[in-house]
Each structure stands twice: as C-alpha cells, then as structure tokens.
Protein backbone atom coordinates (compact mmCIF):
# COMPACT_ATOMS: atom_id res chain seq x y z
CA UNK A 1 5.57 -18.91 -9.47
CA UNK A 2 3.36 -19.43 -6.54
CA UNK A 3 5.04 -19.91 -3.00
CA UNK A 4 3.43 -20.98 0.05
CA UNK A 5 4.63 -20.67 3.70
CA UNK A 6 3.71 -23.42 5.63
CA UNK A 7 3.49 -22.69 9.43
CA UNK A 8 3.92 -25.52 12.06
CA UNK A 9 1.01 -26.25 13.88
CA UNK A 10 -1.48 -23.54 12.50
CA UNK A 11 -4.86 -23.71 13.94
CA UNK A 12 -7.22 -21.02 12.71
CA UNK A 13 -8.61 -18.97 15.87
CA UNK A 14 -12.14 -18.18 14.11
CA UNK A 15 -14.37 -20.46 12.06
CA UNK A 16 -15.78 -19.26 9.13
CA UNK A 17 -19.02 -17.58 10.43
CA UNK A 18 -16.37 -15.56 12.95
CA UNK A 19 -14.24 -14.81 10.13
CA UNK A 20 -16.80 -12.88 8.03
CA UNK A 21 -18.23 -11.08 10.70
CA UNK A 22 -14.59 -9.98 11.92
CA UNK A 23 -14.02 -8.76 8.51
CA UNK A 24 -17.14 -6.81 8.76
CA UNK A 25 -16.32 -5.05 11.83
CA UNK A 26 -12.64 -4.63 10.80
CA UNK A 27 -13.32 -2.73 7.72
CA UNK A 28 -16.19 -0.87 9.37
CA UNK A 29 -14.11 0.48 12.26
CA UNK A 30 -11.12 0.93 10.62
CA UNK A 31 -12.16 3.44 7.95
CA UNK A 32 -14.22 5.20 10.24
CA UNK A 33 -10.84 5.80 12.39
CA UNK A 34 -8.63 6.55 9.46
CA UNK A 35 -11.13 9.12 8.06
CA UNK A 36 -11.26 10.59 11.52
CA UNK A 37 -7.46 10.67 11.77
CA UNK A 38 -6.79 12.46 8.60
CA UNK A 39 -10.13 14.15 8.08
CA UNK A 40 -11.08 12.31 5.04
CA UNK A 41 -14.31 12.06 3.12
CA UNK A 42 -15.60 9.10 1.30
CA UNK A 43 -15.57 9.02 -2.47
CA UNK A 44 -16.76 6.71 -5.13
CA UNK A 45 -13.82 4.98 -7.20
CA UNK A 46 -13.46 3.58 -10.52
CA UNK A 47 -12.79 0.08 -11.22
CA UNK A 48 -11.03 0.96 -15.15
CA UNK A 49 -9.57 4.02 -16.65
CA UNK A 50 -8.97 4.65 -20.02
CA UNK A 51 -5.54 3.96 -21.31
CA UNK A 52 -2.79 6.17 -22.43
CA UNK A 53 -3.84 9.11 -20.17
CA UNK A 54 -1.34 8.37 -17.27
CA UNK A 55 -3.89 8.00 -14.74
CA UNK A 56 -3.24 4.46 -13.74
CA UNK A 57 -0.80 3.52 -11.46
CA UNK A 58 2.75 1.86 -12.99
CA UNK A 59 3.36 0.54 -9.96
CA UNK A 60 7.13 -0.74 -10.73
CA UNK A 61 6.53 -0.39 -13.91
CA UNK A 62 6.76 -3.97 -15.32
CA UNK A 63 3.48 -5.35 -14.36
CA UNK A 64 0.40 -5.76 -17.04
CA UNK A 65 -2.65 -3.83 -16.64
CA UNK A 66 -6.00 -6.00 -17.41
CA UNK A 67 -7.30 -4.09 -20.60
CA UNK A 68 -10.60 -4.53 -22.62
CA UNK A 69 -12.09 -2.33 -25.79
CA UNK A 70 -15.03 -0.46 -25.21
CA UNK A 71 -17.36 -0.52 -27.82
CA UNK A 72 -19.28 2.70 -27.84
CA UNK A 73 -15.89 4.70 -27.54
CA UNK A 74 -14.65 3.03 -31.01
CA UNK A 75 -13.12 0.50 -29.46
CA UNK A 76 -10.48 2.71 -27.08
CA UNK A 77 -8.82 0.33 -24.60
CA UNK A 78 -9.77 0.66 -20.93
CA UNK A 79 -7.48 -0.61 -17.93
CA UNK A 80 -8.69 -1.97 -14.38
CA UNK A 81 -6.71 0.05 -12.38
CA UNK A 82 -3.45 -0.98 -10.43
CA UNK A 83 -4.22 1.74 -7.70
CA UNK A 84 -5.82 4.90 -7.35
CA UNK A 85 -2.37 7.26 -6.86
CA UNK A 86 -2.89 9.61 -9.68
CA UNK A 87 -6.71 9.56 -9.95
CA UNK A 88 -6.96 10.64 -6.01
CA UNK A 89 -5.10 13.64 -7.04
CA UNK A 90 -7.32 14.73 -10.09
CA UNK A 91 -10.23 14.09 -7.61
CA UNK A 92 -8.86 16.43 -4.68
CA UNK A 93 -8.81 19.22 -7.34
CA UNK A 94 -11.87 18.27 -9.08
CA UNK A 95 -13.41 18.43 -5.26
CA UNK A 96 -11.68 21.86 -4.40
CA UNK A 97 -10.56 19.81 -1.25
CA UNK A 98 -8.68 22.10 0.84
CA UNK A 99 -5.01 21.27 2.47
CA UNK A 100 -5.75 19.70 5.75
CA UNK A 101 -8.63 17.38 4.21
CA UNK A 102 -8.71 14.34 1.99
CA UNK A 103 -10.65 11.65 0.53
CA UNK A 104 -10.55 7.80 0.83
CA UNK A 105 -12.26 4.85 -1.08
CA UNK A 106 -12.49 1.52 -1.36
CA UNK A 107 -10.03 0.24 -4.30
CA UNK A 108 -10.49 -3.17 -5.91
CA UNK A 109 -8.13 -4.31 -8.82
CA UNK A 110 -6.86 -7.18 -10.77
CA UNK A 111 -3.21 -7.63 -10.66
CA UNK A 112 -2.41 -10.68 -13.19
CA UNK A 113 1.17 -10.91 -12.64
CA UNK A 114 1.41 -11.10 -9.06
CA UNK A 115 3.36 -14.40 -7.73
CA UNK A 116 0.42 -16.17 -5.73
CA UNK A 117 1.08 -17.06 -2.17
CA UNK A 118 0.14 -16.36 1.63
CA UNK A 119 0.23 -12.79 0.75
CA UNK A 120 -0.36 -12.22 -2.54
CA UNK A 121 -3.59 -12.32 -4.71
CA UNK A 122 -4.64 -11.87 -7.98
CA UNK A 123 -7.67 -9.72 -6.29
CA UNK A 124 -6.18 -6.71 -4.59
CA UNK A 125 -8.43 -4.42 -2.12
CA UNK A 126 -7.02 -1.85 -0.25
CA UNK A 127 -8.44 1.40 1.26
CA UNK A 128 -6.91 4.39 -1.01
CA UNK A 129 -6.33 7.64 0.69
CA UNK A 130 -5.12 11.30 -0.44
CA UNK A 131 -5.10 14.67 1.29
CA UNK A 132 -4.17 18.28 0.12
CA UNK A 133 -1.17 19.66 1.96
CA UNK A 134 0.44 23.06 1.71
CA UNK A 135 4.10 23.71 0.36
CA UNK A 136 5.46 23.89 3.87
CA UNK A 137 4.08 20.27 4.74
CA UNK A 138 6.51 18.85 2.12
CA UNK A 139 8.85 17.40 4.63
CA UNK A 140 9.77 14.45 6.56
CA UNK A 141 8.37 15.67 10.17
CA UNK A 142 5.01 15.72 8.11
CA UNK A 143 5.47 12.49 6.63
CA UNK A 144 6.15 10.51 10.14
CA UNK A 145 3.49 12.72 11.73
CA UNK A 146 0.95 11.10 9.12
CA UNK A 147 2.20 7.83 9.47
CA UNK A 148 1.99 8.04 13.21
CA UNK A 149 -1.71 8.72 12.98
CA UNK A 150 -2.54 5.66 10.23
CA UNK A 151 -0.69 3.43 12.96
CA UNK A 152 -2.79 5.10 15.73
CA UNK A 153 -6.12 3.77 13.97
CA UNK A 154 -4.66 0.61 13.71
CA UNK A 155 -3.39 0.24 17.37
CA UNK A 156 -7.32 0.88 18.04
CA UNK A 157 -8.64 -1.52 15.98
CA UNK A 158 -6.35 -4.16 17.20
CA UNK A 159 -7.94 -3.76 20.72
CA UNK A 160 -11.38 -3.58 18.90
CA UNK A 161 -10.47 -7.11 17.80
CA UNK A 162 -9.44 -8.22 21.34
CA UNK A 163 -12.66 -7.14 22.73
CA UNK A 164 -14.63 -9.34 20.21
CA UNK A 165 -12.56 -12.00 20.51
CA UNK A 166 -10.34 -12.31 23.56
CA UNK A 167 -8.77 -15.15 22.03
CA UNK A 168 -6.65 -12.78 19.52
CA UNK A 169 -4.18 -10.96 22.16
CA UNK A 170 -2.68 -7.52 21.23
CA UNK A 171 0.64 -7.49 19.67
CA UNK A 172 0.98 -4.34 18.34
CA UNK A 173 3.99 -2.04 20.08
CA UNK A 174 3.19 1.16 21.41
CA UNK A 175 5.37 2.98 19.18
CA UNK A 176 6.53 2.44 15.63
CA UNK A 177 10.10 2.31 14.63
CA UNK A 178 11.28 4.56 12.16
CA UNK A 179 14.41 3.82 9.51
CA UNK A 180 15.73 5.05 6.37
CA UNK A 181 16.16 2.38 3.55
CA UNK A 182 19.90 3.60 3.75
CA UNK A 183 20.41 3.20 7.05
CA UNK A 184 18.52 -0.47 7.02
CA UNK A 185 21.35 -1.27 4.03
CA UNK A 186 24.15 -0.33 5.97
CA UNK A 187 23.05 -2.36 8.91
CA UNK A 188 22.70 -5.64 7.04
CA UNK A 189 25.13 -4.80 3.78
CA UNK A 190 25.13 -8.62 2.84
CA UNK A 191 21.42 -9.17 3.01
CA UNK A 192 18.67 -8.61 0.43
CA UNK A 193 15.84 -5.96 0.69
CA UNK A 194 13.45 -8.31 1.53
CA UNK A 195 15.79 -10.03 4.62
CA UNK A 196 16.58 -6.59 5.68
CA UNK A 197 12.90 -6.00 6.06
CA UNK A 198 12.48 -9.32 8.06
CA UNK A 199 15.63 -8.56 10.45
CA UNK A 200 14.65 -5.19 11.36
CA UNK A 201 10.67 -5.81 11.63
CA UNK A 202 11.27 -8.85 13.82
CA UNK A 203 13.22 -6.90 16.50
CA UNK A 204 10.99 -3.88 16.77
CA UNK A 205 7.49 -5.50 15.09
CA UNK A 206 6.28 -2.25 13.51
CA UNK A 207 8.48 -0.43 11.30
CA UNK A 208 8.36 2.34 8.35
CA UNK A 209 10.91 1.77 5.82
CA UNK A 210 11.41 5.62 4.36
CA UNK A 211 12.74 6.51 0.57
CA UNK A 212 11.50 3.68 -1.16
CA UNK A 213 12.25 4.13 -5.26
CA UNK A 214 15.70 5.81 -5.08
CA UNK A 215 19.07 4.18 -5.41
CA UNK A 216 20.72 3.39 -2.36
CA UNK A 217 24.75 3.31 -1.68
CA UNK A 218 24.92 0.38 -3.24
CA UNK A 219 23.02 1.57 -6.55
CA UNK A 220 20.26 -0.43 -6.30
CA UNK A 221 16.64 0.84 -4.60
CA UNK A 222 15.29 -0.79 -1.68
CA UNK A 223 12.42 -1.20 -3.91
CA UNK A 224 10.79 0.08 -7.34
CA UNK A 225 8.75 3.01 -7.84
CA UNK A 226 6.84 4.37 -10.41
CA UNK A 227 8.49 8.05 -10.97
CA UNK A 228 5.48 10.08 -11.27
CA UNK A 229 3.41 9.75 -7.87
CA UNK A 230 5.70 9.39 -4.81
CA UNK A 231 8.44 12.04 -4.16
CA UNK A 232 11.72 9.67 -3.47
CA UNK A 233 14.83 11.98 -4.29
CA UNK A 234 13.79 15.12 -2.13
CA UNK A 235 16.17 15.12 0.96
CA UNK A 236 13.70 13.60 4.23
CA UNK A 237 15.15 11.42 7.36
CA UNK A 238 18.58 12.38 8.20
CA UNK A 239 19.42 14.21 4.90
CA UNK A 240 19.06 10.70 2.90
CA UNK A 241 16.44 11.04 -0.52
CA UNK A 242 12.72 10.07 0.09
CA UNK A 243 9.54 11.38 1.55
CA UNK A 244 7.91 8.12 1.09
CA UNK A 245 8.09 4.72 2.46
CA UNK A 246 6.18 1.38 3.28
CA UNK A 247 4.75 0.14 6.61
CA UNK A 248 5.64 -3.44 7.36
CA UNK A 249 4.37 -5.36 10.47
CA UNK A 250 5.77 -8.92 12.16
CA UNK A 251 2.92 -11.54 11.66
CA UNK A 252 3.84 -14.00 14.50
CA UNK A 253 1.77 -16.94 12.07
CA UNK A 254 4.14 -16.49 9.37
CA UNK A 255 7.07 -15.36 11.05
CA UNK A 256 7.89 -12.93 8.39
CA UNK A 257 7.15 -9.01 7.81
CA UNK A 258 4.14 -7.89 6.06
CA UNK A 259 3.80 -4.69 4.65
CA UNK A 260 0.43 -3.25 5.30
CA UNK A 261 1.07 0.02 3.63
CA UNK A 262 2.72 2.25 0.86
CA UNK A 263 2.35 5.87 0.97
CA UNK A 264 4.08 9.23 0.83
CA UNK A 265 4.34 12.64 -0.21
CA UNK A 266 3.47 13.03 -3.72
CA UNK A 267 5.69 14.71 -6.57
CA UNK A 268 5.35 18.37 -7.44
CA UNK A 269 6.58 19.81 -10.36
CA UNK A 270 10.00 20.00 -9.72
CA UNK A 271 10.18 16.35 -8.48
CA UNK A 272 8.25 14.67 -11.30
CA UNK A 273 10.42 16.33 -13.67
CA UNK A 274 13.74 15.17 -11.73
CA UNK A 275 12.28 11.48 -11.52
CA UNK A 276 10.62 11.35 -14.91
CA UNK A 277 14.38 12.21 -15.83
CA UNK A 278 16.47 10.03 -13.75
CA UNK A 279 14.20 7.09 -15.07
CA UNK A 280 13.82 7.88 -18.52
CA UNK A 281 10.63 8.24 -18.60
CA UNK A 282 10.71 11.92 -19.97
CA UNK A 283 7.92 11.35 -22.67
CA UNK A 284 5.11 11.02 -19.85
CA UNK A 285 5.30 14.64 -19.51
CA UNK A 286 2.74 14.97 -22.25
CA UNK A 287 0.22 13.02 -21.04
CA UNK A 288 -3.10 14.05 -19.32
CA UNK A 289 -2.16 13.59 -15.57
CA UNK A 290 1.10 14.77 -16.07
CA UNK A 291 0.33 17.84 -18.13
CA UNK A 292 -2.23 19.01 -15.47
CA UNK A 293 0.60 18.69 -12.55
CA UNK A 294 3.31 20.52 -14.59
CA UNK A 295 0.51 23.19 -15.33
CA UNK A 296 0.02 23.66 -11.43
CA UNK A 297 -3.75 22.56 -11.89
CA UNK A 298 -3.42 19.54 -9.14
CA UNK A 299 -2.85 20.59 -5.11
CA UNK A 300 0.35 19.36 -3.31
CA UNK A 301 -0.61 15.86 -1.74
CA UNK A 302 0.21 12.93 0.53
CA UNK A 303 -1.56 9.49 0.24
CA UNK A 304 -0.85 5.87 -0.15
CA UNK A 305 -3.10 2.35 -0.08
CA UNK A 306 -3.90 0.53 3.05
CA UNK A 307 -4.33 -3.41 2.07
CA UNK A 308 -7.91 -4.46 3.51
CA UNK A 309 -7.40 -8.38 3.43
CA UNK A 310 -4.04 -8.15 4.61
CA UNK A 311 -5.05 -6.26 7.71
CA UNK A 312 -8.37 -8.19 8.56
CA UNK A 313 -5.40 -11.34 7.90
CA UNK A 314 -2.81 -10.01 10.33
CA UNK A 315 -5.73 -9.09 13.04
CA UNK A 316 -7.51 -12.33 12.56
CA UNK A 317 -4.33 -14.48 12.67
CA UNK A 318 -4.77 -15.99 9.39
CA UNK A 319 -2.12 -17.93 7.41
CA UNK A 320 -3.20 -17.11 4.07
CA UNK A 321 -4.81 -13.99 2.67
CA UNK A 322 -7.40 -16.71 0.63
CA UNK A 323 -8.91 -17.16 4.06
CA UNK A 324 -10.22 -13.49 3.88
CA UNK A 325 -10.94 -13.13 0.13
CA UNK A 326 -12.44 -14.78 -2.82
CA UNK A 327 -10.05 -15.03 -5.41
CA UNK A 328 -8.74 -17.74 -7.93
CA UNK A 329 -5.35 -20.08 -6.91
CA UNK A 330 -3.68 -23.18 -8.28
CA UNK A 331 -5.58 -26.35 -7.87
CA UNK A 332 -2.19 -27.83 -5.81
CA UNK A 333 -1.96 -24.81 -3.32
CA UNK A 334 -5.87 -25.01 -2.91
CA UNK A 335 -5.51 -28.66 -1.65
CA UNK A 336 -2.16 -28.24 0.17
CA UNK A 337 -3.44 -25.23 2.25
CA UNK A 338 -6.95 -27.53 2.80
CA UNK A 339 -4.34 -30.54 4.31
CA UNK A 340 -2.59 -27.85 6.59
CA UNK A 341 -6.05 -26.37 8.07
CA UNK A 342 -5.83 -23.33 5.77
CA UNK A 343 -9.45 -23.63 3.88
CA UNK A 344 -9.49 -21.12 1.32
CA UNK A 345 -12.50 -19.41 0.57
C-alpha cells in the first residue's frame, strides 16, 4: 500500500531544469570522491543474472525478483537484480583486486514489492561498491573507519551543492554518530525500530546503526538481512554482534530519518555457515556463489550500496523521490503530489 508524507508549505528550491543539472553534478562529484576515498575502480554491472545460482541479493528474503525466460538458453529464467552484493565479490576475485582496493558500479534494479511513497520507488538506482580486505580488517574499527570515509565524501558533496545553489544551506553535522541497534533498543525499548531511528537521527542528524539482522535483546532483529552477504553475528561494537549497519540522515523537508546506505563487512566461511544455519537456509550451501565462498575462492571484502536518487533528493531538498527519477506511481499519488507542489517526473 502506498503512503505519502505531505510536508506543509513545501516549495521546491529548484525548478526542473536546475534540478536535472543538480542531479548530474551530484552524481559526477560524489562518485569521484567515493572512488578516491576507498580506491575503487568503476566496472560494468549486469541488469539481470541467472536464477538459481545464489548470485542475486535476497534482501530480507521475501521480495519477488522480476524474472523472464531466455529463448537461447532453453528458456532458463533470468532475474533482474535486487542489488549486486554477491556479484561484486565474484568480480573482485575475477579481476584479482588486491586488499585495500575495490570496485564500484551503477546498479539499476526493479523492486516490484516496494510500498510506494516519498522514499520508495519501483526503480532503484545506487552506487554498489566492494573492497577487498585482509583477515585482520574484519573488525568494528575498520568498519567505522570506512563509514567515516564515505561520510567525508558526503560532506564534500554537500558543500559543492551549496556553492552551486547558495539557497541550499548545508545541514550535515561534522561528525557521524555510531550506535549499535541493541543500544538503540535499550534507549527506546517501547518504540518500533523505525521510531527509534527517527528519534536518534533527529538528535544527531547523521547516524550509523550497527548490527542489522541479528536478533536483539527482545528476540527481534532491528531489520531483516539475508544471511549470506553481511556479517551480522561476529562480535563488534562493545562486544555486541554485527559488522554491518545502515547510514541514516535526518531530512528536514520530510521531518524523518532516511536511509542512504546499507553496508558491512561480508561473511567469511565461518560466519556464512553460522548464519545459514541460524536462518534455516542451509540448502544454499550448494549454490554456485556459496560453493565459491566455502571453497576459499573469493576474497574477504567490505561493501554496500548508496542510493543515488535518495542522495540527490536529500541534497536538493526534495520532498519526493519522484522529483528526482522517472518511475511509475499510482495516479492518485501523482495528482496529489502535483496539488502539493511536488510534481513527479
């Protein structure tokens, strides 16, 4: 079911031509800074992969992939990617990327089960990145340092936007606040995970919540994660489980937190087996990707995705992601957005 946030008195700071130029500037500037910070080279990515190889990202495990038969492969099924979490690790191995270096790409996806609204679209565009690491880098210190490098690229991009459009005043804090999902639960035990995110992000404005996927003290995870890419069970911040997390920013236009990036240190052999067993997905061990990992044929890595349209939406102070990207929306939402001063592309 679609849901629309209706900010009172909203008026776009940029018209459509200025917005299109702003999108171009942000994407070019940010990806250059991201690749410099993390030493990433750009690679070409697939729009779809073969079904049944364990390469497509399962996200929370319940989303349907858009699929179609391939005539020249005997009608074998292909799936439009949800993200490239596993494909990138295979690519690191294929390109023999050494530790300390990595890859990034433009990832485009279709998520047919999204509940459409200000922040959610059928069309997903993000920078997917992956970096090879050493065994000694699989710790919380390395994770937080890497998140800090990404945030530094965000800070620089915000200033570039301000130089281009002085009416868009910078609002990001100098420092990013780190907190574990279990610590966040203890702060607000009677609130839902989304309410906790809003409370902590409104206070600190930029927050990285660590430990997404593992059950917390109340027996429930902060959010769901597939068991075969992020490591959410190895001890991390203050001894609590998880070497992954979500980067959240406070959006003044929508008066809520928005998730800009999901990332983490990826599973090694031990974490993969542990998480597959805990989630009841042990049959995945026999899939192509999982066999490569279990046989030691894939490098250790850290990686994630950064939403392109969401980042542009935040920087340009837009109220709806449809002001940034072209997608399909319910006709009633399109009409209501037009009435509210949020014309959708």
